[in-house]
């Protein structure tokens, strides 16, 4: 089953009147995740720190 089919199945199985999430924030709204702009910037800097590398 493809990803699209899984998503369609999940959306179709929602109870009547319940809408799917409208934003990415809705995906983790109930999980207590709190990301600040500084957290995101620090993670991006860490990920891209060694790019481009000399061995390319």
C-alpha atoms as a PDB file:
ATOM      1  CA  UNK A   1       0.000   0.000   0.000  1.00  0.00           C
ATOM      2  CA  UNK A   2       1.413   3.410  -0.958  1.00  0.00           C
ATOM      3  CA  UNK A   3       1.835   6.358   1.375  1.00  0.00           C
ATOM      4  CA  UNK A   4      -1.022   8.138  -0.369  1.00  0.00           C
ATOM      5  CA  UNK A   5      -3.306   5.148   0.189  1.00  0.00           C
ATOM      6  CA  UNK A   6      -2.351   5.031   3.894  1.00  0.00           C
ATOM      7  CA  UNK A   7      -3.121   8.730   4.297  1.00  0.00           C
ATOM      8  CA  UNK A   8      -6.422   8.427   2.466  1.00  0.00           C
ATOM      9  CA  UNK A   9      -7.400   5.447   4.618  1.00  0.00           C
ATOM     10  CA  UNK A  10      -6.507   7.319   7.813  1.00  0.00           C
ATOM     11  CA  UNK A  11      -8.477  10.417   6.797  1.00  0.00           C
ATOM     12  CA  UNK A  12     -11.485   8.363   5.742  1.00  0.00           C
ATOM     13  CA  UNK A  13     -11.479   6.557   9.093  1.00  0.00           C
ATOM     14  CA  UNK A  14     -11.825   9.827  11.071  1.00  0.00           C
ATOM     15  CA  UNK A  15     -15.108  10.198  12.918  1.00  0.00           C
ATOM     16  CA  UNK A  16     -17.659  12.421  11.194  1.00  0.00           C
ATOM     17  CA  UNK A  17     -17.030  16.091  11.883  1.00  0.00           C
ATOM     18  CA  UNK A  18     -13.377  15.639  12.830  1.00  0.00           C
ATOM     19  CA  UNK A  19     -11.079  17.376  10.373  1.00  0.00           C
ATOM     20  CA  UNK A  20      -7.495  16.369   9.647  1.00  0.00           C
ATOM     21  CA  UNK A  21      -4.750  18.682  10.868  1.00  0.00           C
ATOM     22  CA  UNK A  22      -4.483  21.965   8.991  1.00  0.00           C
ATOM     23  CA  UNK A  23      -0.862  22.601   9.938  1.00  0.00           C
ATOM     24  CA  UNK A  24       2.242  20.765  11.062  1.00  0.00           C
ATOM     25  CA  UNK A  25       1.792  22.282  14.535  1.00  0.00           C
ATOM     26  CA  UNK A  26      -1.382  20.225  14.884  1.00  0.00           C
ATOM     27  CA  UNK A  27       0.628  17.012  14.542  1.00  0.00           C
ATOM     28  CA  UNK A  28       2.437  17.568  17.832  1.00  0.00           C
ATOM     29  CA  UNK A  29      -0.012  19.880  19.619  1.00  0.00           C
ATOM     30  CA  UNK A  30      -0.832  17.344  22.348  1.00  0.00           C
ATOM     31  CA  UNK A  31       2.702  16.042  22.854  1.00  0.00           C
ATOM     32  CA  UNK A  32       4.134  18.929  24.861  1.00  0.00           C
ATOM     33  CA  UNK A  33       6.808  19.695  22.255  1.00  0.00           C
ATOM     34  CA  UNK A  34       8.043  23.269  22.483  1.00  0.00           C
ATOM     35  CA  UNK A  35      10.520  24.307  19.798  1.00  0.00           C
ATOM     36  CA  UNK A  36      11.869  27.819  19.722  1.00  0.00           C
ATOM     37  CA  UNK A  37      13.396  29.565  16.735  1.00  0.00           C
ATOM     38  CA  UNK A  38      16.745  29.369  18.554  1.00  0.00           C
ATOM     39  CA  UNK A  39      16.433  25.572  18.913  1.00  0.00           C
ATOM     40  CA  UNK A  40      15.741  25.212  15.203  1.00  0.00           C
ATOM     41  CA  UNK A  41      18.622  27.533  14.262  1.00  0.00           C
ATOM     42  CA  UNK A  42      21.052  25.637  16.513  1.00  0.00           C
ATOM     43  CA  UNK A  43      20.025  22.279  15.043  1.00  0.00           C
ATOM     44  CA  UNK A  44      20.324  23.551  11.474  1.00  0.00           C
ATOM     45  CA  UNK A  45      23.786  24.947  12.220  1.00  0.00           C
ATOM     46  CA  UNK A  46      24.865  21.589  13.657  1.00  0.00           C
ATOM     47  CA  UNK A  47      23.496  19.626  10.719  1.00  0.00           C
ATOM     48  CA  UNK A  48      25.109  21.841   8.086  1.00  0.00           C
ATOM     49  CA  UNK A  49      28.385  22.447   9.990  1.00  0.00           C
ATOM     50  CA  UNK A  50      30.444  20.037   7.859  1.00  0.00           C
ATOM     51  CA  UNK A  51      28.760  20.726   4.524  1.00  0.00           C
ATOM     52  CA  UNK A  52      30.233  20.858   1.971  1.00  0.00           C
ATOM     53  CA  UNK A  53      32.948  18.471   2.965  1.00  0.00           C
ATOM     54  CA  UNK A  54      36.294  18.154   1.212  1.00  0.00           C
ATOM     55  CA  UNK A  55      35.666  14.571   0.099  1.00  0.00           C
ATOM     56  CA  UNK A  56      32.949  15.446  -2.430  1.00  0.00           C
END
